Amino acid sequence: MNQVSKEEFKKIFLEYGKASDGWGKDYWEKMYENPKRENMKYLVRLPETEGKNRMMVVDDYSVNEYRLFFVSVDEEENLYR
């Protein structure tokens, strides 16, 4: 994962996030515009293949990181089994 600025993280979040999937501008404003903690790191791993098209975001307060990455539909389904 690459560390990026909050502005770059937001740009990627809004570019790839779909409101129909629960992501989008409203979610960004509610969750990330005013972070719950200072000094958060913003990490991103862009899609490696066309099949990895499901955006995931992890809020990890134990290490002060927001991580945005992409998985395939099958990988996403396996997360919830």
PDB file of N, CA and C in Angstrom:
ATOM      1  N   MET A   1       0.850  -1.182   0.000  1.00  0.00           N
ATOM      2  CA  MET A   1       0.000   0.000   0.000  1.00  0.00           C
ATOM      3  C   MET A   1       0.888   1.235   0.000  1.00  0.00           C
ATOM      4  N   ASN A   2       0.391   2.249  -0.637  1.00  0.00           N
ATOM      5  CA  ASN A   2       1.117   3.517  -0.691  1.00  0.00           C
ATOM      6  C   ASN A   2       0.440   4.539   0.207  1.00  0.00           C
ATOM      7  N   GLN A   3       1.245   5.260   0.954  1.00  0.00           N
ATOM      8  CA  GLN A   3       0.695   6.339   1.764  1.00  0.00           C
ATOM      9  C   GLN A   3       0.478   7.549   0.872  1.00  0.00           C
ATOM     10  N   VAL A   4      -0.691   8.165   1.019  1.00  0.00           N
ATOM     11  CA  VAL A   4      -1.062   9.332   0.224  1.00  0.00           C
ATOM     12  C   VAL A   4      -1.572  10.422   1.164  1.00  0.00           C
ATOM     13  N   SER A   5      -1.733  11.601   0.624  1.00  0.00           N
ATOM     14  CA  SER A   5      -2.308  12.697   1.405  1.00  0.00           C
ATOM     15  C   SER A   5      -3.814  12.461   1.565  1.00  0.00           C
ATOM     16  N   LYS A   6      -4.397  13.161   2.505  1.00  0.00           N
ATOM     17  CA  LYS A   6      -5.846  13.078   2.691  1.00  0.00           C
ATOM     18  C   LYS A   6      -6.558  13.512   1.407  1.00  0.00           C
ATOM     19  N   GLU A   7      -6.035  14.524   0.742  1.00  0.00           N
ATOM     20  CA  GLU A   7      -6.660  15.023  -0.487  1.00  0.00           C
ATOM     21  C   GLU A   7      -6.631  13.962  -1.585  1.00  0.00           C
ATOM     22  N   GLU A   8      -5.507  13.249  -1.725  1.00  0.00           N
ATOM     23  CA  GLU A   8      -5.410  12.192  -2.739  1.00  0.00           C
ATOM     24  C   GLU A   8      -6.327  11.022  -2.370  1.00  0.00           C
ATOM     25  N   PHE A   9      -6.373  10.672  -1.097  1.00  0.00           N
ATOM     26  CA  PHE A   9      -7.255   9.609  -0.616  1.00  0.00           C
ATOM     27  C   PHE A   9      -8.707   9.955  -0.960  1.00  0.00           C
ATOM     28  N   LYS A  10      -9.096  11.193  -0.696  1.00  0.00           N
ATOM     29  CA  LYS A  10     -10.459  11.634  -1.001  1.00  0.00           C
ATOM     30  C   LYS A  10     -10.737  11.549  -2.495  1.00  0.00           C
ATOM     31  N   LYS A  11      -9.796  11.980  -3.301  1.00  0.00           N
ATOM     32  CA  LYS A  11      -9.968  11.939  -4.758  1.00  0.00           C
ATOM     33  C   LYS A  11     -10.203  10.503  -5.225  1.00  0.00           C
ATOM     34  N   ILE A  12      -9.397   9.567  -4.723  1.00  0.00           N
ATOM     35  CA  ILE A  12      -9.537   8.162  -5.097  1.00  0.00           C
ATOM     36  C   ILE A  12     -10.853   7.603  -4.569  1.00  0.00           C
ATOM     37  N   PHE A  13     -11.177   7.909  -3.316  1.00  0.00           N
ATOM     38  CA  PHE A  13     -12.422   7.450  -2.705  1.00  0.00           C
ATOM     39  C   PHE A  13     -13.620   7.881  -3.548  1.00  0.00           C
ATOM     40  N   LEU A  14     -13.653   9.140  -3.934  1.00  0.00           N
ATOM     41  CA  LEU A  14     -14.803   9.650  -4.685  1.00  0.00           C
ATOM     42  C   LEU A  14     -14.787   9.192  -6.139  1.00  0.00           C
ATOM     43  N   GLU A  15     -13.615   8.931  -6.688  1.00  0.00           N
ATOM     44  CA  GLU A  15     -13.525   8.448  -8.072  1.00  0.00           C
ATOM     45  C   GLU A  15     -14.038   7.015  -8.182  1.00  0.00           C
ATOM     46  N   TYR A  16     -13.659   6.161  -7.255  1.00  0.00           N
ATOM     47  CA  TYR A  16     -14.007   4.751  -7.330  1.00  0.00           C
ATOM     48  C   TYR A  16     -15.247   4.378  -6.515  1.00  0.00           C
ATOM     49  N   GLY A  17     -15.550   5.144  -5.505  1.00  0.00           N
ATOM     50  CA  GLY A  17     -16.683   4.809  -4.639  1.00  0.00           C
ATOM     51  C   GLY A  17     -18.012   5.042  -5.325  1.00  0.00           C
ATOM     52  N   LYS A  18     -18.931   4.141  -5.093  1.00  0.00           N
ATOM     53  CA  LYS A  18     -20.267   4.254  -5.678  1.00  0.00           C
ATOM     54  C   LYS A  18     -21.276   4.418  -4.546  1.00  0.00           C
ATOM     55  N   ALA A  19     -22.114   5.418  -4.659  1.00  0.00           N
ATOM     56  CA  ALA A  19     -23.147   5.623  -3.640  1.00  0.00           C
ATOM     57  C   ALA A  19     -24.033   4.378  -3.519  1.00  0.00           C
ATOM     58  N   SER A  20     -24.241   3.688  -4.624  1.00  0.00           N
ATOM     59  CA  SER A  20     -25.081   2.482  -4.597  1.00  0.00           C
ATOM     60  C   SER A  20     -24.448   1.361  -3.774  1.00  0.00           C
ATOM     61  N   ASP A  21     -23.132   1.421  -3.576  1.00  0.00           N
ATOM     62  CA  ASP A  21     -22.421   0.438  -2.755  1.00  0.00           C
ATOM     63  C   ASP A  21     -22.216   0.939  -1.327  1.00  0.00           C
ATOM     64  N   GLY A  22     -22.765   2.102  -1.026  1.00  0.00           N
ATOM     65  CA  GLY A  22     -22.613   2.660   0.307  1.00  0.00           C
ATOM     66  C   GLY A  22     -21.493   3.679   0.433  1.00  0.00           C
ATOM     67  N   TRP A  23     -20.739   3.842  -0.632  1.00  0.00           N
ATOM     68  CA  TRP A  23     -19.678   4.841  -0.648  1.00  0.00           C
ATOM     69  C   TRP A  23     -20.201   6.062  -1.394  1.00  0.00           C
ATOM     70  N   GLY A  24     -19.496   7.122  -1.359  1.00  0.00           N
ATOM     71  CA  GLY A  24     -19.887   8.324  -2.073  1.00  0.00           C
ATOM     72  C   GLY A  24     -19.628   9.560  -1.234  1.00  0.00           C
ATOM     73  N   LYS A  25     -20.042  10.690  -1.764  1.00  0.00           N
ATOM     74  CA  LYS A  25     -19.759  11.969  -1.114  1.00  0.00           C
ATOM     75  C   LYS A  25     -20.376  12.070   0.281  1.00  0.00           C
ATOM     76  N   ASP A  26     -21.614  11.616   0.435  1.00  0.00           N
ATOM     77  CA  ASP A  26     -22.265  11.691   1.749  1.00  0.00           C
ATOM     78  C   ASP A  26     -21.506  10.871   2.784  1.00  0.00           C
ATOM     79  N   TYR A  27     -21.083   9.665   2.391  1.00  0.00           N
ATOM     80  CA  TYR A  27     -20.335   8.818   3.313  1.00  0.00           C
ATOM     81  C   TYR A  27     -18.992   9.458   3.650  1.00  0.00           C
ATOM     82  N   TRP A  28     -18.319  10.006   2.642  1.00  0.00           N
ATOM     83  CA  TRP A  28     -17.034  10.679   2.880  1.00  0.00           C
ATOM     84  C   TRP A  28     -17.203  11.795   3.908  1.00  0.00           C
ATOM     85  N   GLU A  29     -18.194  12.626   3.693  1.00  0.00           N
ATOM     86  CA  GLU A  29     -18.393  13.768   4.587  1.00  0.00           C
ATOM     87  C   GLU A  29     -18.710  13.316   6.013  1.00  0.00           C
ATOM     88  N   LYS A  30     -19.487  12.262   6.141  1.00  0.00           N
ATOM     89  CA  LYS A  30     -19.856  11.758   7.466  1.00  0.00           C
ATOM     90  C   LYS A  30     -18.672  11.115   8.186  1.00  0.00           C
ATOM     91  N   MET A  31     -17.867  10.336   7.462  1.00  0.00           N
ATOM     92  CA  MET A  31     -16.851   9.506   8.106  1.00  0.00           C
ATOM     93  C   MET A  31     -15.429  10.075   8.073  1.00  0.00           C
ATOM     94  N   TYR A  32     -15.080  10.812   7.018  1.00  0.00           N
ATOM     95  CA  TYR A  32     -13.664  11.148   6.820  1.00  0.00           C
ATOM     96  C   TYR A  32     -13.356  12.636   6.717  1.00  0.00           C
ATOM     97  N   GLU A  33     -14.348  13.446   6.446  1.00  0.00           N
ATOM     98  CA  GLU A  33     -14.068  14.872   6.285  1.00  0.00           C
ATOM     99  C   GLU A  33     -13.461  15.456   7.560  1.00  0.00           C
ATOM    100  N   ASN A  34     -14.010  15.079   8.688  1.00  0.00           N
ATOM    101  CA  ASN A  34     -13.490  15.507   9.990  1.00  0.00           C
ATOM    102  C   ASN A  34     -13.130  14.254  10.785  1.00  0.00           C
ATOM    103  N   PRO A  35     -11.895  13.768  10.619  1.00  0.00           N
ATOM    104  CA  PRO A  35     -11.521  12.495  11.246  1.00  0.00           C
ATOM    105  C   PRO A  35     -11.703  12.516  12.757  1.00  0.00           C
ATOM    106  N   LYS A  36     -12.012  11.339  13.292  1.00  0.00           N
ATOM    107  CA  LYS A  36     -12.206  11.194  14.731  1.00  0.00           C
ATOM    108  C   LYS A  36     -10.893  11.380  15.488  1.00  0.00           C
ATOM    109  N   ARG A  37      -9.801  11.166  14.804  1.00  0.00           N
ATOM    110  CA  ARG A  37      -8.476  11.297  15.412  1.00  0.00           C
ATOM    111  C   ARG A  37      -7.572  12.114  14.502  1.00  0.00           C
ATOM    112  N   GLU A  38      -6.656  12.793  15.114  1.00  0.00           N
ATOM    113  CA  GLU A  38      -5.618  13.494  14.363  1.00  0.00           C
ATOM    114  C   GLU A  38      -4.530  12.489  13.982  1.00  0.00           C
ATOM    115  N   ASN A  39      -3.683  12.882  13.072  1.00  0.00           N
ATOM    116  CA  ASN A  39      -2.507  12.085  12.679  1.00  0.00           C
ATOM    117  C   ASN A  39      -2.849  10.739  12.046  1.00  0.00           C
ATOM    118  N   MET A  40      -3.984  10.653  11.382  1.00  0.00           N
ATOM    119  CA  MET A  40      -4.313   9.424  10.674  1.00  0.00           C
ATOM    120  C   MET A  40      -3.483   9.356   9.399  1.00  0.00           C
ATOM    121  N   LYS A  41      -3.063   8.146   9.050  1.00  0.00           N
ATOM    122  CA  LYS A  41      -2.381   7.901   7.784  1.00  0.00           C
ATOM    123  C   LYS A  41      -3.427   7.438   6.784  1.00  0.00           C
ATOM    124  N   TYR A  42      -3.207   7.776   5.536  1.00  0.00           N
ATOM    125  CA  TYR A  42      -4.113   7.411   4.451  1.00  0.00           C
ATOM    126  C   TYR A  42      -3.338   6.514   3.493  1.00  0.00           C
ATOM    127  N   LEU A  43      -3.758   5.249   3.395  1.00  0.00           N
ATOM    128  CA  LEU A  43      -3.071   4.260   2.574  1.00  0.00           C
ATOM    129  C   LEU A  43      -3.994   3.760   1.475  1.00  0.00           C
ATOM    130  N   VAL A  44      -3.417   3.561   0.289  1.00  0.00           N
ATOM    131  CA  VAL A  44      -4.207   3.143  -0.868  1.00  0.00           C
ATOM    132  C   VAL A  44      -3.462   2.065  -1.644  1.00  0.00           C
ATOM    133  N   ARG A  45      -4.221   1.072  -2.098  1.00  0.00           N
ATOM    134  CA  ARG A  45      -3.729   0.115  -3.096  1.00  0.00           C
ATOM    135  C   ARG A  45      -4.771   0.105  -4.211  1.00  0.00           C
ATOM    136  N   LEU A  46      -4.413   0.639  -5.353  1.00  0.00           N
ATOM    137  CA  LEU A  46      -5.337   0.726  -6.487  1.00  0.00           C
ATOM    138  C   LEU A  46      -5.603  -0.660  -7.072  1.00  0.00           C
ATOM    139  N   PRO A  47      -6.680  -0.802  -7.849  1.00  0.00           N
ATOM    140  CA  PRO A  47      -7.020  -2.116  -8.415  1.00  0.00           C
ATOM    141  C   PRO A  47      -5.869  -2.676  -9.244  1.00  0.00           C
ATOM    142  N   GLU A  48      -5.559  -3.948  -8.999  1.00  0.00           N
ATOM    143  CA  GLU A  48      -4.476  -4.607  -9.726  1.00  0.00           C
ATOM    144  C   GLU A  48      -4.957  -5.202 -11.047  1.00  0.00           C
ATOM    145  N   THR A  49      -6.234  -5.565 -11.087  1.00  0.00           N
ATOM    146  CA  THR A  49      -6.834  -6.128 -12.296  1.00  0.00           C
ATOM    147  C   THR A  49      -8.256  -5.603 -12.418  1.00  0.00           C
ATOM    148  N   GLU A  50      -8.854  -5.805 -13.588  1.00  0.00           N
ATOM    149  CA  GLU A  50     -10.247  -5.388 -13.784  1.00  0.00           C
ATOM    150  C   GLU A  50     -11.187  -6.135 -12.843  1.00  0.00           C
ATOM    151  N   GLY A  51     -10.847  -7.358 -12.502  1.00  0.00           N
ATOM    152  CA  GLY A  51     -11.689  -8.167 -11.640  1.00  0.00           C
ATOM    153  C   GLY A  51     -11.724  -7.687 -10.194  1.00  0.00           C
ATOM    154  N   LYS A  52     -10.728  -6.923  -9.809  1.00  0.00           N
ATOM    155  CA  LYS A  52     -10.696  -6.388  -8.440  1.00  0.00           C
ATOM    156  C   LYS A  52     -11.356  -5.017  -8.473  1.00  0.00           C
ATOM    157  N   ASN A  53     -12.677  -5.038  -8.448  1.00  0.00           N
ATOM    158  CA  ASN A  53     -13.436  -3.805  -8.634  1.00  0.00           C
ATOM    159  C   ASN A  53     -14.342  -3.456  -7.455  1.00  0.00           C
ATOM    160  N   ARG A  54     -14.164  -4.143  -6.335  1.00  0.00           N
ATOM    161  CA  ARG A  54     -14.963  -3.861  -5.142  1.00  0.00           C
ATOM    162  C   ARG A  54     -14.099  -3.094  -4.143  1.00  0.00           C
ATOM    163  N   MET A  55     -14.443  -1.832  -3.937  1.00  0.00           N
ATOM    164  CA  MET A  55     -13.664  -0.985  -3.039  1.00  0.00           C
ATOM    165  C   MET A  55     -13.961  -1.338  -1.595  1.00  0.00           C
ATOM    166  N   MET A  56     -12.904  -1.421  -0.806  1.00  0.00           N
ATOM    167  CA  MET A  56     -13.011  -1.680   0.621  1.00  0.00           C
ATOM    168  C   MET A  56     -12.238  -0.580   1.347  1.00  0.00           C
ATOM    169  N   VAL A  57     -12.733  -0.169   2.499  1.00  0.00           N
ATOM    170  CA  VAL A  57     -12.028   0.806   3.320  1.00  0.00           C
ATOM    171  C   VAL A  57     -12.013   0.273   4.748  1.00  0.00           C
ATOM    172  N   VAL A  58     -10.826   0.267   5.340  1.00  0.00           N
ATOM    173  CA  VAL A  58     -10.665  -0.178   6.720  1.00  0.00           C
ATOM    174  C   VAL A  58     -10.254   1.027   7.552  1.00  0.00           C
ATOM    175  N   ASP A  59     -10.971   1.252   8.632  1.00  0.00           N
ATOM    176  CA  ASP A  59     -10.618   2.289   9.598  1.00  0.00           C
ATOM    177  C   ASP A  59      -9.930   1.573  10.755  1.00  0.00           C
ATOM    178  N   ASP A  60      -8.615   1.690  10.836  1.00  0.00           N
ATOM    179  CA  ASP A  60      -7.847   0.965  11.856  1.00  0.00           C
ATOM    180  C   ASP A  60      -7.269   1.960  12.853  1.00  0.00           C
ATOM    181  N   TYR A  61      -8.002   2.171  13.931  1.00  0.00           N
ATOM    182  CA  TYR A  61      -7.585   3.157  14.921  1.00  0.00           C
ATOM    183  C   TYR A  61      -6.460   2.642  15.814  1.00  0.00           C
ATOM    184  N   SER A  62      -6.203   1.344  15.796  1.00  0.00           N
ATOM    185  CA  SER A  62      -5.120   0.810  16.611  1.00  0.00           C
ATOM    186  C   SER A  62      -3.754   1.251  16.090  1.00  0.00           C
ATOM    187  N   VAL A  63      -3.682   1.552  14.786  1.00  0.00           N
ATOM    188  CA  VAL A  63      -2.428   2.034  14.183  1.00  0.00           C
ATOM    189  C   VAL A  63      -2.625   3.366  13.460  1.00  0.00           C
ATOM    190  N   ASN A  64      -3.778   4.014  13.681  1.00  0.00           N
ATOM    191  CA  ASN A  64      -4.088   5.320  13.074  1.00  0.00           C
ATOM    192  C   ASN A  64      -3.993   5.298  11.553  1.00  0.00           C
ATOM    193  N   GLU A  65      -4.689   4.357  10.939  1.00  0.00           N
ATOM    194  CA  GLU A  65      -4.662   4.242   9.484  1.00  0.00           C
ATOM    195  C   GLU A  65      -6.063   4.091   8.909  1.00  0.00           C
ATOM    196  N   TYR A  66      -6.256   4.720   7.768  1.00  0.00           N
ATOM    197  CA  TYR A  66      -7.372   4.432   6.881  1.00  0.00           C
ATOM    198  C   TYR A  66      -6.764   3.722   5.691  1.00  0.00           C
ATOM    199  N   ARG A  67      -7.272   2.531   5.351  1.00  0.00           N
ATOM    200  CA  ARG A  67      -6.731   1.770   4.222  1.00  0.00           C
ATOM    201  C   ARG A  67      -7.835   1.555   3.196  1.00  0.00           C
ATOM    202  N   LEU A  68      -7.560   1.934   1.970  1.00  0.00           N
ATOM    203  CA  LEU A  68      -8.488   1.781   0.857  1.00  0.00           C
ATOM    204  C   LEU A  68      -7.842   0.823  -0.128  1.00  0.00           C
ATOM    205  N   PHE A  69      -8.570  -0.226  -0.510  1.00  0.00           N
ATOM    206  CA  PHE A  69      -8.030  -1.216  -1.434  1.00  0.00           C
ATOM    207  C   PHE A  69      -9.183  -1.872  -2.170  1.00  0.00           C
ATOM    208  N   PHE A  70      -8.851  -2.736  -3.106  1.00  0.00           N
ATOM    209  CA  PHE A  70      -9.861  -3.341  -3.961  1.00  0.00           C
ATOM    210  C   PHE A  70      -9.729  -4.858  -3.947  1.00  0.00           C
ATOM    211  N   VAL A  71     -10.872  -5.519  -3.972  1.00  0.00           N
ATOM    212  CA  VAL A  71     -10.924  -6.977  -4.015  1.00  0.00           C
ATOM    213  C   VAL A  71     -11.901  -7.393  -5.107  1.00  0.00           C
ATOM    214  N   SER A  72     -11.847  -8.669  -5.464  1.00  0.00           N
ATOM    215  CA  SER A  72     -12.822  -9.200  -6.421  1.00  0.00           C
ATOM    216  C   SER A  72     -14.128  -9.498  -5.683  1.00  0.00           C
ATOM    217  N   VAL A  73     -15.176  -9.748  -6.440  1.00  0.00           N
ATOM    218  CA  VAL A  73     -16.471 -10.086  -5.852  1.00  0.00           C
ATOM    219  C   VAL A  73     -16.332 -11.354  -5.006  1.00  0.00           C
ATOM    220  N   ASP A  74     -15.610 -12.356  -5.521  1.00  0.00           N
ATOM    221  CA  ASP A  74     -15.419 -13.606  -4.776  1.00  0.00           C
ATOM    222  C   ASP A  74     -14.665 -13.361  -3.476  1.00  0.00           C
ATOM    223  N   GLU A  75     -13.616 -12.549  -3.527  1.00  0.00           N
ATOM    224  CA  GLU A  75     -12.860 -12.230  -2.312  1.00  0.00           C
ATOM    225  C   GLU A  75     -13.738 -11.516  -1.291  1.00  0.00           C
ATOM    226  N   GLU A  76     -14.576 -10.619  -1.780  1.00  0.00           N
ATOM    227  CA  GLU A  76     -15.481  -9.909  -0.870  1.00  0.00           C
ATOM    228  C   GLU A  76     -16.463 -10.879  -0.214  1.00  0.00           C
ATOM    229  N   GLU A  77     -17.037 -11.770  -1.004  1.00  0.00           N
ATOM    230  CA  GLU A  77     -17.982 -12.748  -0.448  1.00  0.00           C
ATOM    231  C   GLU A  77     -17.313 -13.640   0.588  1.00  0.00           C
ATOM    232  N   ASN A  78     -16.061 -14.006   0.356  1.00  0.00           N
ATOM    233  CA  ASN A  78     -15.338 -14.860   1.299  1.00  0.00           C
ATOM    234  C   ASN A  78     -15.067 -14.149   2.630  1.00  0.00           C
ATOM    235  N   LEU A  79     -15.042 -12.844   2.620  1.00  0.00           N
ATOM    236  CA  LEU A  79     -14.835 -12.100   3.868  1.00  0.00           C
ATOM    237  C   LEU A  79     -15.978 -12.309   4.842  1.00  0.00           C
ATOM    238  N   TYR A  80     -17.165 -12.583   4.315  1.00  0.00           N
ATOM    239  CA  TYR A  80     -18.362 -12.659   5.138  1.00  0.00           C
ATOM    240  C   TYR A  80     -18.854 -14.084   5.346  1.00  0.00           C
ATOM    241  N   ARG A  81     -18.044 -15.057   5.043  1.00  0.00           N
ATOM    242  CA  ARG A  81     -18.440 -16.489   5.243  1.00  0.00           C
ATOM    243  C   ARG A  81     -17.961 -16.955   6.579  1.00  0.00           C
TER     244      ARG A  81
END
